[in-house]
Amino acid sequence: MTSQSRAVLGIVLTPVLALAAAAPAAAHTTATAVGSATGTTATATTPAAVETRAPGPWGTRTLHAPNPNPASASGGLNALVAAGNGALVSLTGDGLSRSTRIRTAGSTRWLAPQTWPDAGGYNTELVSLGDGSVRLVWRAERADDHDNYWLKMATLKPGATAFSKAEYVAAVPQKGYHHLAAAPGGRLVAVWSDSGVVRAAEKTGPKAAWTAPAGLNEQPPSGSRDIAGMDLAVAKDGTTLLVWQWQKSKSVVALEKAPGASAWTAVQRFPVPGVDLARPKVFAGPQGGFDVFYDHLAHLMHTRRSVGATQWSTPQSAADHGSTSGMAAPAYLPDGDLFVAGGPGDSTGPWYAVRSAATGAWQPYTQPFSTHKKVSAVGAAATSGGTVTVTWREGYSGAEYTMAAVFKGGTWSVPRRLSATSARSTGAPQMAADALGRPVVLWDEYRLTGTNSIALDGVHQATTTSRALPKWRDYTDDGRADLFGRNGTGLKVYAGDSTKPAAGQRASSWPTGTLVLPFGDLDGDRCNDVFVRYPKGEARVYPTICGGLPDQQSFHVEVGSDWSGYDAVVSPGDVTGDGRADLLTRSASTGKLYVHANNGAGGFKARSLTGSGFGGYKRLIAAGDLDGDGKNDLLALDASNELWRFRGTGAGTFRPRSLVFKDWGTSYKDVVGGLDLSGDGRADLVSLDKNGRAWLNRGNGHGGLGNRSQVGKAVNWSNIRIS
């Protein structure tokens, strides 16, 4: 899919939707909720039901954690994870120690930080485990042995408001890989590397002691001990899978431990074809089984072993020129599809791929939009309404910023910048979904302190706000009416909030003769959808993500197999009085006008006759509410170029016609009504003439229209058709 363009008409429109600000984080170290009275003990909140709609508009950026040393550039954000109940946990550092902050499920407040003085060293991480807990794992220096360290762990239990005291797992070297995973029944598995030997320890329950470390492989020869990647996961049935890569031989090996088994299997080559395999990543699927990604030549490869299976699926390329080193953790979608995204680190923009649960096949590797700048630190999370929110860092050293976009059903929203425009640079963003399925993003911001020096300006955050009912014809998610424009390069959105075209997404081309109409919210997610009739008559509705446009391959619902018998299809909004957008069609053979009422379930009811004798009109125009009575009207242009208004009754019918203009519209190739471009709350009319000029007739709110004025002078409309 190529990208969707956002051009502009040069008209100032209604104000942008107000964005609520999230509360900032506290700087003190007591267990008091941020923003609460001093001394008040925070308690876990029962999580609310996950939102069924797509995430709302992004709220205002706020401070999450200040920099304790404002002159320093060290420290900052390390991680952000979501617990099983939707609570969020962040990990930040000041160069010497680490701090955790908790936002309980159902709350928007962050509790005061909990400080870990000896966790400031190498490879400290937060791990969200399958048992619903979050664990902080780090290597702490041993007072009795400066050449070795302790692997330590602290636990945040489901519903808790603080981590437990630290516990010792095992003695480990200063550097190397370590991973932690949880199995059903409370069993924990920890693995780490030690000079080419992978060791493991287990804990059978919350009150049990850790077992003595056990080596899982023989000591490799000197010079062959470098492990370039190691990963661990535990499936829902308790099967534990461990994989790693021997750097010198470029081979990937694996071993397992079955539920209830006392020993691991022998180390074996991972059972997929090919050589030069690298950087394996293993994930436990929410329905059971494992998904493994690895690099092979220039491809990001994927294989799956479903629950109960003994064989791995035939490996498939998930992304050409992709790599696990730039890949975000996969997002498992409600329909079973698997979504992955990553950044190549060059100037081509982030990529994504989706594996269909129905077919088991990966769609072609796709870059939804080109940034023309370096992209890194891509993150992804499944969010409300079946969406995926993707974040990344964009730009070049000294001029980087945090970006976000939302994906659903093959459609992307226009990317949104989250970091401050005043920030000199940003760190790698971290993102997780809260208990309501809303994306929460954290990132570092840096400010310029001298000619060639910067300082950390704290960790900042942004999340989405509640989504109101969509404004009619709003496809840029700014609360303003938009126009569709199509030419040979694809479908564009034209929004009237500036005099200069703004770059954005562009959807791929549609077949010549395709009718593409803006439509209301058909599926109830508070995002306007798109109606499409193909040249052979097939009628579809494409549910969209707010701020995005579909292409032909996007998810859609077929609403009619052959609508070729209609020579006019218009999208008037609600004409039946139930608050849902409907369609009007005219039979080419009889001139009868029909209403296709929205059924409220993603489709339309059987058509009903609303009028006869409409065959003599050469143009039908969805006019919106011209007279201010709260009911949508219809305009019709007859063969004598007289423009007539049919007032809507709100019951699926129209009153007798009344004249609006004489000798009107002879030079127009397209006319679009029912959109408030002037920002006065009244329905206006936009027309394109045959000389490539756009004209606006402002509605007066009493059923009439004012004289025309030219708009959109910055756009060449010659080869564009609007709807």
Foldseek 3Di string as FASTA:
>chain_A
DFWFFAFAWAFAAAFFDAADDFQEADADADQDWRPDDPPDHDFADQADAAFQFDFAAWHAWDFHYFQPDFQAADKAWDAWEAFPLFKIKTWITNQQWIWIWIRHHNGRIITHIHIDRQANDPDWDWDHEPVRKIKTWGWGADPVDRQKTWTKIWIDHRRRSDIHDIDTQAIGGRDWDKDWYAAPQAKIKIWTAHQQWIWIWMARHDPGHIDYIDTQDDHDDPPFRDWQAKEWYAAHQGKIKIKTARVVQLFIWIWIDHVPRPDIDHIDTDPADDGNKHHKYWDHDPQTWIKIWIDHDQFTKIWTAHPPGDDIDHIDGQAGNDGPVFKADWEQFPQRKIKIKGFNQAQAAIWIWIQDPVPRDIDYIDHQYTRSWGKGLWYWYQFHNRKIKIKIWTHDPQAIFIWIWIDDQQKIAWIDTRDDPQFRYKARKYWYAGSNRKIKIKIWTWHDDDPPDIHTRHIMMMIGDDHDQADQCQQQSRNFHWWWKDFPQAIHIYHHNRLGTDTTTGEGHDDPPKDKAWAGQQAPSRATWIWIAHPQAWIKIAHHDRRIDHYPSGDIDTADGHPVQFPDKAWQQQQAQPRGTWIWTAGQVFRWIWIFDRPSHRYTDPIDTAGGDNNQFPDKENAAQQQQPNHTKIWTQGPQRWIWIWDGPNRGYTHDIDTADGPPDPFFPAKYWRGQSNHPPHIKMWTAGQQQWIWIWTGPNRNYTHDIDTISPVDRRNRMYID
